[in-house]
Amino acid sequence: MNYQSYKDLDIYKKAHKLAIEIHDLSLKLPKFEMYEEGSQIRRSSKSVTSNIVEGFGRRRYKAEFVKFLTYSLASCDETREHLYTLFETKSLKDKNNYTYFFEEYDHLGRMITNFIKSVELGHKTRI
């Protein structure tokens, strides 16, 4: 497959959508969490997207592309951990929200992993 823009990547589309949703969710957390765990989850969710974009910008160099995709995957895992902490501490009380986001980030992590494998096997992007 050839991609002319990071916006063509399914992993980017999903990560961006989730980052916006997490941002909105974080604004509904208890006030004491706004600058603590709320800030952390906003940053980690946006980092998933940002690292996809930065990696795409370095796609001429496969190792660099894979490195930033790996950072994106790590930020995805970090976001899941923040969700878990928020739910366990009862700052995020809605189990449906927790389950939705946890499963969506799990799915996104699998998508990123598969995309990394594709890049490692010689996946080409149009430059």
C-alpha atoms as a PDB file:
ATOM      1  CA  MET A   1       0.000   0.000   0.000  1.00  0.00           C
ATOM      2  CA  ASN A   2       1.104   3.528  -0.667  1.00  0.00           C
ATOM      3  CA  TYR A   3       0.275   6.374   1.669  1.00  0.00           C
ATOM      4  CA  GLN A   4       0.730   9.994   0.769  1.00  0.00           C
ATOM      5  CA  SER A   5      -0.147  11.319   4.213  1.00  0.00           C
ATOM      6  CA  TYR A   6      -0.189  10.038   7.770  1.00  0.00           C
ATOM      7  CA  LYS A   7      -3.899  10.880   7.655  1.00  0.00           C
ATOM      8  CA  ASP A   8      -4.329   7.922   5.275  1.00  0.00           C
ATOM      9  CA  LEU A   9      -3.186   5.461   7.950  1.00  0.00           C
ATOM     10  CA  ASP A  10      -5.928   3.553   9.763  1.00  0.00           C
ATOM     11  CA  ILE A  11      -3.824   3.606  12.933  1.00  0.00           C
ATOM     12  CA  TYR A  12      -3.676   7.401  12.765  1.00  0.00           C
ATOM     13  CA  LYS A  13      -7.424   7.737  12.168  1.00  0.00           C
ATOM     14  CA  LYS A  14      -8.271   5.520  15.132  1.00  0.00           C
ATOM     15  CA  ALA A  15      -5.636   7.064  17.430  1.00  0.00           C
ATOM     16  CA  HIS A  16      -6.770  10.600  16.614  1.00  0.00           C
ATOM     17  CA  LYS A  17     -10.442   9.757  17.202  1.00  0.00           C
ATOM     18  CA  LEU A  18      -9.617   8.141  20.538  1.00  0.00           C
ATOM     19  CA  ALA A  19      -7.387  11.039  21.639  1.00  0.00           C
ATOM     20  CA  ILE A  20     -10.279  13.456  21.101  1.00  0.00           C
ATOM     21  CA  GLU A  21     -12.638  11.163  23.007  1.00  0.00           C
ATOM     22  CA  ILE A  22     -10.150  10.759  25.877  1.00  0.00           C
ATOM     23  CA  HIS A  23      -9.692  14.528  26.028  1.00  0.00           C
ATOM     24  CA  ASP A  24     -13.456  14.960  26.389  1.00  0.00           C
ATOM     25  CA  LEU A  25     -13.644  12.171  28.977  1.00  0.00           C
ATOM     26  CA  SER A  26     -10.809  13.675  31.017  1.00  0.00           C
ATOM     27  CA  LEU A  27     -12.679  16.960  31.332  1.00  0.00           C
ATOM     28  CA  LYS A  28     -15.463  15.096  33.157  1.00  0.00           C
ATOM     29  CA  LEU A  29     -13.167  13.603  35.791  1.00  0.00           C
ATOM     30  CA  PRO A  30     -13.294  14.871  39.386  1.00  0.00           C
ATOM     31  CA  LYS A  31     -11.640  18.254  39.760  1.00  0.00           C
ATOM     32  CA  PHE A  32      -8.706  16.898  41.769  1.00  0.00           C
ATOM     33  CA  GLU A  33      -7.813  14.621  38.817  1.00  0.00           C
ATOM     34  CA  MET A  34      -7.778  17.386  36.202  1.00  0.00           C
ATOM     35  CA  TYR A  35      -4.080  18.162  36.715  1.00  0.00           C
ATOM     36  CA  GLU A  36      -3.002  14.726  37.847  1.00  0.00           C
ATOM     37  CA  GLU A  37      -4.173  11.553  36.139  1.00  0.00           C
ATOM     38  CA  GLY A  38      -6.433  13.549  33.795  1.00  0.00           C
ATOM     39  CA  SER A  39      -3.449  15.439  32.452  1.00  0.00           C
ATOM     40  CA  GLN A  40      -1.412  12.245  32.143  1.00  0.00           C
ATOM     41  CA  ILE A  41      -4.065  10.413  30.145  1.00  0.00           C
ATOM     42  CA  ARG A  42      -4.554  13.395  27.833  1.00  0.00           C
ATOM     43  CA  ARG A  43      -0.822  13.514  27.138  1.00  0.00           C
ATOM     44  CA  SER A  44      -0.386   9.781  26.630  1.00  0.00           C
ATOM     45  CA  SER A  45      -3.390   9.496  24.305  1.00  0.00           C
ATOM     46  CA  LYS A  46      -2.133  12.416  22.217  1.00  0.00           C
ATOM     47  CA  SER A  47       1.354  10.903  22.217  1.00  0.00           C
ATOM     48  CA  VAL A  48       0.006   7.820  20.421  1.00  0.00           C
ATOM     49  CA  THR A  49      -1.067  10.052  17.547  1.00  0.00           C
ATOM     50  CA  SER A  50       1.968  12.343  17.644  1.00  0.00           C
ATOM     51  CA  ASN A  51       4.425   9.469  17.399  1.00  0.00           C
ATOM     52  CA  ILE A  52       2.594   7.999  14.404  1.00  0.00           C
ATOM     53  CA  VAL A  53       2.857  11.393  12.701  1.00  0.00           C
ATOM     54  CA  GLU A  54       6.522  11.877  13.593  1.00  0.00           C
ATOM     55  CA  GLY A  55       7.383   8.358  12.469  1.00  0.00           C
ATOM     56  CA  PHE A  56       5.600   8.896   9.188  1.00  0.00           C
ATOM     57  CA  GLY A  57       7.703  11.993   8.664  1.00  0.00           C
ATOM     58  CA  ARG A  58      10.805   9.785   8.971  1.00  0.00           C
ATOM     59  CA  ARG A  59       9.454   6.950   6.827  1.00  0.00           C
ATOM     60  CA  ARG A  60      12.395   7.125   4.403  1.00  0.00           C
ATOM     61  CA  TYR A  61      14.368   5.453   7.176  1.00  0.00           C
ATOM     62  CA  LYS A  62      12.658   2.218   8.149  1.00  0.00           C
ATOM     63  CA  ALA A  63      14.395   1.967  11.539  1.00  0.00           C
ATOM     64  CA  GLU A  64      13.279   5.500  12.448  1.00  0.00           C
ATOM     65  CA  PHE A  65       9.716   4.792  11.319  1.00  0.00           C
ATOM     66  CA  VAL A  66       9.601   1.602  13.406  1.00  0.00           C
ATOM     67  CA  LYS A  67      11.136   3.396  16.412  1.00  0.00           C
ATOM     68  CA  PHE A  68       8.393   6.024  16.480  1.00  0.00           C
ATOM     69  CA  LEU A  69       5.677   3.447  15.858  1.00  0.00           C
ATOM     70  CA  THR A  70       7.072   1.574  18.864  1.00  0.00           C
ATOM     71  CA  TYR A  71       6.886   4.772  20.934  1.00  0.00           C
ATOM     72  CA  SER A  72       3.279   5.081  19.787  1.00  0.00           C
ATOM     73  CA  LEU A  73       2.577   1.529  20.935  1.00  0.00           C
ATOM     74  CA  ALA A  74       4.165   2.281  24.315  1.00  0.00           C
ATOM     75  CA  SER A  75       1.968   5.385  24.688  1.00  0.00           C
ATOM     76  CA  CYS A  76      -1.041   3.240  23.834  1.00  0.00           C
ATOM     77  CA  ASP A  77      -0.114   0.889  26.689  1.00  0.00           C
ATOM     78  CA  GLU A  78       0.457   3.869  28.979  1.00  0.00           C
ATOM     79  CA  THR A  79      -3.022   5.188  28.159  1.00  0.00           C
ATOM     80  CA  ARG A  80      -4.527   1.818  29.056  1.00  0.00           C
ATOM     81  CA  GLU A  81      -2.702   1.926  32.404  1.00  0.00           C
ATOM     82  CA  HIS A  82      -4.074   5.413  33.132  1.00  0.00           C
ATOM     83  CA  LEU A  83      -7.576   4.166  32.310  1.00  0.00           C
ATOM     84  CA  TYR A  84      -7.100   1.234  34.661  1.00  0.00           C
ATOM     85  CA  THR A  85      -5.837   3.483  37.462  1.00  0.00           C
ATOM     86  CA  LEU A  86      -8.700   5.943  37.009  1.00  0.00           C
ATOM     87  CA  PHE A  87     -11.223   3.105  37.126  1.00  0.00           C
ATOM     88  CA  GLU A  88      -9.634   1.356  40.112  1.00  0.00           C
ATOM     89  CA  THR A  89      -9.473   4.616  42.094  1.00  0.00           C
ATOM     90  CA  LYS A  90     -13.106   5.296  41.164  1.00  0.00           C
ATOM     91  CA  SER A  91     -12.263   8.588  39.489  1.00  0.00           C
ATOM     92  CA  LEU A  92     -13.704   7.013  36.342  1.00  0.00           C
ATOM     93  CA  LYS A  93     -16.937   5.518  37.622  1.00  0.00           C
ATOM     94  CA  ASP A  94     -18.676   4.539  34.394  1.00  0.00           C
ATOM     95  CA  LYS A  95     -17.731   0.914  33.714  1.00  0.00           C
ATOM     96  CA  ASN A  96     -19.063   1.161  30.156  1.00  0.00           C
ATOM     97  CA  ASN A  97     -16.690   4.062  29.411  1.00  0.00           C
ATOM     98  CA  TYR A  98     -13.804   2.185  30.978  1.00  0.00           C
ATOM     99  CA  THR A  99     -14.539  -0.991  29.018  1.00  0.00           C
ATOM    100  CA  TYR A 100     -15.039   0.883  25.750  1.00  0.00           C
ATOM    101  CA  PHE A 101     -11.753   2.791  25.972  1.00  0.00           C
ATOM    102  CA  PHE A 102      -9.749  -0.113  27.348  1.00  0.00           C
ATOM    103  CA  GLU A 103     -10.917  -2.369  24.503  1.00  0.00           C
ATOM    104  CA  GLU A 104     -10.434   0.344  21.870  1.00  0.00           C
ATOM    105  CA  TYR A 105      -6.858   0.986  23.007  1.00  0.00           C
ATOM    106  CA  ASP A 106      -6.229  -2.766  23.121  1.00  0.00           C
ATOM    107  CA  HIS A 107      -7.445  -3.010  19.522  1.00  0.00           C
ATOM    108  CA  LEU A 108      -5.375   0.014  18.504  1.00  0.00           C
ATOM    109  CA  GLY A 109      -2.301  -1.609  20.064  1.00  0.00           C
ATOM    110  CA  ARG A 110      -2.842  -4.714  17.935  1.00  0.00           C
ATOM    111  CA  MET A 111      -3.277  -2.521  14.848  1.00  0.00           C
ATOM    112  CA  ILE A 112      -0.021  -0.674  15.568  1.00  0.00           C
ATOM    113  CA  THR A 113       1.799  -3.972  16.200  1.00  0.00           C
ATOM    114  CA  ASN A 114       0.599  -5.344  12.865  1.00  0.00           C
ATOM    115  CA  PHE A 115       1.580  -2.135  11.101  1.00  0.00           C
ATOM    116  CA  ILE A 116       5.069  -2.318  12.636  1.00  0.00           C
ATOM    117  CA  LYS A 117       5.404  -5.877  11.313  1.00  0.00           C
ATOM    118  CA  SER A 118       4.320  -4.675   7.888  1.00  0.00           C
ATOM    119  CA  VAL A 119       6.910  -1.884   7.898  1.00  0.00           C
ATOM    120  CA  GLU A 120       9.620  -4.287   9.073  1.00  0.00           C
ATOM    121  CA  LEU A 121       8.794  -6.649   6.213  1.00  0.00           C
ATOM    122  CA  GLY A 122       9.395  -3.911   3.691  1.00  0.00           C
ATOM    123  CA  HIS A 123       6.094  -2.077   3.600  1.00  0.00           C
ATOM    124  CA  LYS A 124       6.495   0.844   1.208  1.00  0.00           C
ATOM    125  CA  THR A 125       5.061   4.301   1.534  1.00  0.00           C
ATOM    126  CA  ARG A 126       5.050   6.708  -1.342  1.00  0.00           C
ATOM    127  CA  ILE A 127       7.456   9.532  -0.670  1.00  0.00           C
END
